[in-house]
Amino acid sequence: MLDLNTRLQDAKLEHETRPFQRQVEATDVSIDKLVYGLTDEEIGIVQGDWM
């Protein structure tokens, strides 16, 4: 996750940042599920997507 965030910050153009941003988001969801045991619904609430 740290490496992905570093690579995201180093990317300069939007087409360079998009793949890293998607990887960061996917990794974040995986962490929420595996480490914290959250469901998709709970992740949506935490991320503010529940409305």
PDB file of N, CA and C in Angstrom:
ATOM      1  N   MET A   1       0.827  -1.176   0.000  1.00  0.00           N
ATOM      2  CA  MET A   1       0.000   0.000   0.000  1.00  0.00           C
ATOM      3  C   MET A   1       0.876   1.246   0.000  1.00  0.00           C
ATOM      4  N   LEU A   2       1.926   1.231   0.783  1.00  0.00           N
ATOM      5  CA  LEU A   2       2.829   2.387   0.809  1.00  0.00           C
ATOM      6  C   LEU A   2       3.488   2.599  -0.551  1.00  0.00           C
ATOM      7  N   ASP A   3       3.905   1.497  -1.176  1.00  0.00           N
ATOM      8  CA  ASP A   3       4.523   1.593  -2.498  1.00  0.00           C
ATOM      9  C   ASP A   3       3.546   2.142  -3.523  1.00  0.00           C
ATOM     10  N   LEU A   4       2.305   1.678  -3.484  1.00  0.00           N
ATOM     11  CA  LEU A   4       1.299   2.173  -4.419  1.00  0.00           C
ATOM     12  C   LEU A   4       1.061   3.662  -4.242  1.00  0.00           C
ATOM     13  N   ASN A   5       0.964   4.116  -2.997  1.00  0.00           N
ATOM     14  CA  ASN A   5       0.758   5.542  -2.740  1.00  0.00           C
ATOM     15  C   ASN A   5       1.949   6.374  -3.199  1.00  0.00           C
ATOM     16  N   THR A   6       3.146   5.859  -3.010  1.00  0.00           N
ATOM     17  CA  THR A   6       4.342   6.561  -3.474  1.00  0.00           C
ATOM     18  C   THR A   6       4.339   6.661  -4.986  1.00  0.00           C
ATOM     19  N   ARG A   7       4.017   5.558  -5.658  1.00  0.00           N
ATOM     20  CA  ARG A   7       3.980   5.557  -7.114  1.00  0.00           C
ATOM     21  C   ARG A   7       2.874   6.477  -7.634  1.00  0.00           C
ATOM     22  N   LEU A   8       1.744   6.523  -6.924  1.00  0.00           N
ATOM     23  CA  LEU A   8       0.654   7.421  -7.300  1.00  0.00           C
ATOM     24  C   LEU A   8       1.097   8.873  -7.201  1.00  0.00           C
ATOM     25  N   GLN A   9       1.791   9.216  -6.146  1.00  0.00           N
ATOM     26  CA  GLN A   9       2.267  10.588  -5.968  1.00  0.00           C
ATOM     27  C   GLN A   9       3.320  10.958  -6.999  1.00  0.00           C
ATOM     28  N   ASP A  10       4.116   9.981  -7.429  1.00  0.00           N
ATOM     29  CA  ASP A  10       5.165  10.244  -8.410  1.00  0.00           C
ATOM     30  C   ASP A  10       4.622  10.394  -9.824  1.00  0.00           C
ATOM     31  N   ALA A  11       3.451   9.848 -10.073  1.00  0.00           N
ATOM     32  CA  ALA A  11       2.856   9.946 -11.418  1.00  0.00           C
ATOM     33  C   ALA A  11       2.455  11.393 -11.677  1.00  0.00           C
ATOM     34  N   LYS A  12       2.732  11.860 -12.863  1.00  0.00           N
ATOM     35  CA  LYS A  12       2.496  13.271 -13.186  1.00  0.00           C
ATOM     36  C   LYS A  12       1.218  13.495 -13.992  1.00  0.00           C
ATOM     37  N   LEU A  13       0.937  12.621 -14.935  1.00  0.00           N
ATOM     38  CA  LEU A  13      -0.191  12.811 -15.830  1.00  0.00           C
ATOM     39  C   LEU A  13      -1.371  11.955 -15.401  1.00  0.00           C
ATOM     40  N   GLU A  14      -2.578  12.390 -15.760  1.00  0.00           N
ATOM     41  CA  GLU A  14      -3.778  11.679 -15.339  1.00  0.00           C
ATOM     42  C   GLU A  14      -3.788  10.232 -15.815  1.00  0.00           C
ATOM     43  N   HIS A  15      -3.352   9.992 -17.052  1.00  0.00           N
ATOM     44  CA  HIS A  15      -3.357   8.614 -17.547  1.00  0.00           C
ATOM     45  C   HIS A  15      -2.334   7.746 -16.817  1.00  0.00           C
ATOM     46  N   GLU A  16      -1.378   8.362 -16.135  1.00  0.00           N
ATOM     47  CA  GLU A  16      -0.434   7.613 -15.307  1.00  0.00           C
ATOM     48  C   GLU A  16      -1.004   7.345 -13.918  1.00  0.00           C
ATOM     49  N   THR A  17      -1.813   8.268 -13.410  1.00  0.00           N
ATOM     50  CA  THR A  17      -2.329   8.146 -12.049  1.00  0.00           C
ATOM     51  C   THR A  17      -3.515   7.193 -11.947  1.00  0.00           C
ATOM     52  N   ARG A  18      -4.325   7.110 -12.998  1.00  0.00           N
ATOM     53  CA  ARG A  18      -5.540   6.294 -12.941  1.00  0.00           C
ATOM     54  C   ARG A  18      -5.299   4.843 -12.537  1.00  0.00           C
ATOM     55  N   PRO A  19      -4.346   4.135 -13.156  1.00  0.00           N
ATOM     56  CA  PRO A  19      -4.131   2.737 -12.751  1.00  0.00           C
ATOM     57  C   PRO A  19      -3.704   2.600 -11.285  1.00  0.00           C
ATOM     58  N   PHE A  20      -2.858   3.511 -10.838  1.00  0.00           N
ATOM     59  CA  PHE A  20      -2.409   3.448  -9.445  1.00  0.00           C
ATOM     60  C   PHE A  20      -3.561   3.762  -8.493  1.00  0.00           C
ATOM     61  N   GLN A  21      -4.407   4.724  -8.859  1.00  0.00           N
ATOM     62  CA  GLN A  21      -5.545   5.070  -8.016  1.00  0.00           C
ATOM     63  C   GLN A  21      -6.498   3.888  -7.884  1.00  0.00           C
ATOM     64  N   ARG A  22      -6.734   3.188  -8.990  1.00  0.00           N
ATOM     65  CA  ARG A  22      -7.603   2.005  -8.944  1.00  0.00           C
ATOM     66  C   ARG A  22      -6.997   0.915  -8.059  1.00  0.00           C
ATOM     67  N   GLN A  23      -5.680   0.733  -8.148  1.00  0.00           N
ATOM     68  CA  GLN A  23      -5.005  -0.277  -7.316  1.00  0.00           C
ATOM     69  C   GLN A  23      -5.086   0.091  -5.839  1.00  0.00           C
ATOM     70  N   VAL A  24      -4.907   1.373  -5.529  1.00  0.00           N
ATOM     71  CA  VAL A  24      -4.995   1.827  -4.139  1.00  0.00           C
ATOM     72  C   VAL A  24      -6.400   1.569  -3.604  1.00  0.00           C
ATOM     73  N   GLU A  25      -7.416   1.904  -4.385  1.00  0.00           N
ATOM     74  CA  GLU A  25      -8.791   1.705  -3.945  1.00  0.00           C
ATOM     75  C   GLU A  25      -9.102   0.219  -3.746  1.00  0.00           C
ATOM     76  N   ALA A  26      -8.663  -0.623  -4.678  1.00  0.00           N
ATOM     77  CA  ALA A  26      -8.906  -2.063  -4.564  1.00  0.00           C
ATOM     78  C   ALA A  26      -8.184  -2.650  -3.352  1.00  0.00           C
ATOM     79  N   THR A  27      -6.958  -2.208  -3.119  1.00  0.00           N
ATOM     80  CA  THR A  27      -6.199  -2.681  -1.965  1.00  0.00           C
ATOM     81  C   THR A  27      -6.858  -2.241  -0.670  1.00  0.00           C
ATOM     82  N   ASP A  28      -7.363  -1.033  -0.649  1.00  0.00           N
ATOM     83  CA  ASP A  28      -8.041  -0.510   0.535  1.00  0.00           C
ATOM     84  C   ASP A  28      -9.283  -1.341   0.862  1.00  0.00           C
ATOM     85  N   VAL A  29     -10.058  -1.698  -0.153  1.00  0.00           N
ATOM     86  CA  VAL A  29     -11.241  -2.529   0.056  1.00  0.00           C
ATOM     87  C   VAL A  29     -10.832  -3.913   0.567  1.00  0.00           C
ATOM     88  N   SER A  30      -9.770  -4.462  -0.006  1.00  0.00           N
ATOM     89  CA  SER A  30      -9.287  -5.779   0.445  1.00  0.00           C
ATOM     90  C   SER A  30      -8.868  -5.740   1.903  1.00  0.00           C
ATOM     91  N   ILE A  31      -8.189  -4.689   2.299  1.00  0.00           N
ATOM     92  CA  ILE A  31      -7.765  -4.533   3.696  1.00  0.00           C
ATOM     93  C   ILE A  31      -8.991  -4.434   4.598  1.00  0.00           C
ATOM     94  N   ASP A  32      -9.969  -3.633   4.187  1.00  0.00           N
ATOM     95  CA  ASP A  32     -11.188  -3.497   4.988  1.00  0.00           C
ATOM     96  C   ASP A  32     -11.873  -4.843   5.191  1.00  0.00           C
ATOM     97  N   LYS A  33     -11.893  -5.667   4.147  1.00  0.00           N
ATOM     98  CA  LYS A  33     -12.551  -6.970   4.247  1.00  0.00           C
ATOM     99  C   LYS A  33     -11.731  -7.962   5.065  1.00  0.00           C
ATOM    100  N   LEU A  34     -10.441  -8.060   4.766  1.00  0.00           N
ATOM    101  CA  LEU A  34      -9.600  -9.073   5.396  1.00  0.00           C
ATOM    102  C   LEU A  34      -9.212  -8.733   6.833  1.00  0.00           C
ATOM    103  N   VAL A  35      -8.828  -7.497   7.060  1.00  0.00           N
ATOM    104  CA  VAL A  35      -8.322  -7.119   8.383  1.00  0.00           C
ATOM    105  C   VAL A  35      -9.457  -6.773   9.340  1.00  0.00           C
ATOM    106  N   TYR A  36     -10.406  -5.990   8.837  1.00  0.00           N
ATOM    107  CA  TYR A  36     -11.470  -5.506   9.712  1.00  0.00           C
ATOM    108  C   TYR A  36     -12.751  -6.322   9.602  1.00  0.00           C
ATOM    109  N   GLY A  37     -12.837  -7.229   8.631  1.00  0.00           N
ATOM    110  CA  GLY A  37     -14.008  -8.074   8.475  1.00  0.00           C
ATOM    111  C   GLY A  37     -15.254  -7.328   8.044  1.00  0.00           C
ATOM    112  N   LEU A  38     -15.092  -6.217   7.334  1.00  0.00           N
ATOM    113  CA  LEU A  38     -16.242  -5.427   6.898  1.00  0.00           C
ATOM    114  C   LEU A  38     -16.914  -6.056   5.683  1.00  0.00           C
ATOM    115  N   THR A  39     -18.226  -5.875   5.601  1.00  0.00           N
ATOM    116  CA  THR A  39     -18.971  -6.309   4.426  1.00  0.00           C
ATOM    117  C   THR A  39     -18.934  -5.191   3.389  1.00  0.00           C
ATOM    118  N   ASP A  40     -19.403  -5.497   2.179  1.00  0.00           N
ATOM    119  CA  ASP A  40     -19.455  -4.458   1.137  1.00  0.00           C
ATOM    120  C   ASP A  40     -20.336  -3.294   1.572  1.00  0.00           C
ATOM    121  N   GLU A  41     -21.445  -3.598   2.240  1.00  0.00           N
ATOM    122  CA  GLU A  41     -22.343  -2.545   2.714  1.00  0.00           C
ATOM    123  C   GLU A  41     -21.646  -1.653   3.747  1.00  0.00           C
ATOM    124  N   GLU A  42     -20.939  -2.271   4.683  1.00  0.00           N
ATOM    125  CA  GLU A  42     -20.226  -1.504   5.715  1.00  0.00           C
ATOM    126  C   GLU A  42     -19.118  -0.657   5.096  1.00  0.00           C
ATOM    127  N   ILE A  43     -18.438  -1.197   4.100  1.00  0.00           N
ATOM    128  CA  ILE A  43     -17.391  -0.431   3.412  1.00  0.00           C
ATOM    129  C   ILE A  43     -18.001   0.784   2.737  1.00  0.00           C
ATOM    130  N   GLY A  44     -19.160   0.614   2.105  1.00  0.00           N
ATOM    131  CA  GLY A  44     -19.848   1.728   1.474  1.00  0.00           C
ATOM    132  C   GLY A  44     -20.198   2.817   2.477  1.00  0.00           C
ATOM    133  N   ILE A  45     -20.633   2.400   3.656  1.00  0.00           N
ATOM    134  CA  ILE A  45     -20.977   3.381   4.701  1.00  0.00           C
ATOM    135  C   ILE A  45     -19.733   4.125   5.146  1.00  0.00           C
ATOM    136  N   VAL A  46     -18.649   3.397   5.386  1.00  0.00           N
ATOM    137  CA  VAL A  46     -17.396   4.015   5.829  1.00  0.00           C
ATOM    138  C   VAL A  46     -16.861   4.993   4.783  1.00  0.00           C
ATOM    139  N   GLN A  47     -16.988   4.620   3.520  1.00  0.00           N
ATOM    140  CA  GLN A  47     -16.470   5.459   2.447  1.00  0.00           C
ATOM    141  C   GLN A  47     -17.442   6.560   2.037  1.00  0.00           C
ATOM    142  N   GLY A  48     -18.637   6.570   2.635  1.00  0.00           N
ATOM    143  CA  GLY A  48     -19.599   7.607   2.338  1.00  0.00           C
ATOM    144  C   GLY A  48     -20.427   7.332   1.094  1.00  0.00           C
ATOM    145  N   ASP A  49     -20.453   6.083   0.618  1.00  0.00           N
ATOM    146  CA  ASP A  49     -21.194   5.730  -0.589  1.00  0.00           C
ATOM    147  C   ASP A  49     -22.589   5.200  -0.272  1.00  0.00           C
ATOM    148  N   TRP A  50     -23.024   5.257   0.942  1.00  0.00           N
ATOM    149  CA  TRP A  50     -24.259   4.603   1.351  1.00  0.00           C
ATOM    150  C   TRP A  50     -25.504   5.401   1.035  1.00  0.00           C
ATOM    151  N   MET A  51     -25.404   6.629   0.672  1.00  0.00           N
ATOM    152  CA  MET A  51     -26.598   7.443   0.388  1.00  0.00           C
ATOM    153  C   MET A  51     -27.041   7.289  -1.025  1.00  0.00           C
TER     154      MET A  51
END
